[in-house]
Amino acid sequence: MKRFLIIGLVFVLLALDWAALDDITTGNEPDYFLEYMILGVSLLIFGLIGLAAVFGKKSRNNI
């Protein structure tokens, strides 16, 4: 169950990153603070997920 939540979180973050990058590259927004904040927070969360994957507790089953 935990794995499905993490996969769902990754897809939500990727969708938010896509939307933020679209706003930044097209220039539709007058202020890009929120877009850069979304990218920064998602970078932090992806880093934490990566660290947990590398240094986390190893699973007994190979699923």
Foldseek 3Di string as FASTA:
>chain_A
DVVVVVVVVVVVLVVLLVVLVVCVVVVPDPDSPVSVVSVVVSVVVVVVVVCCVVPNDDDPDDD
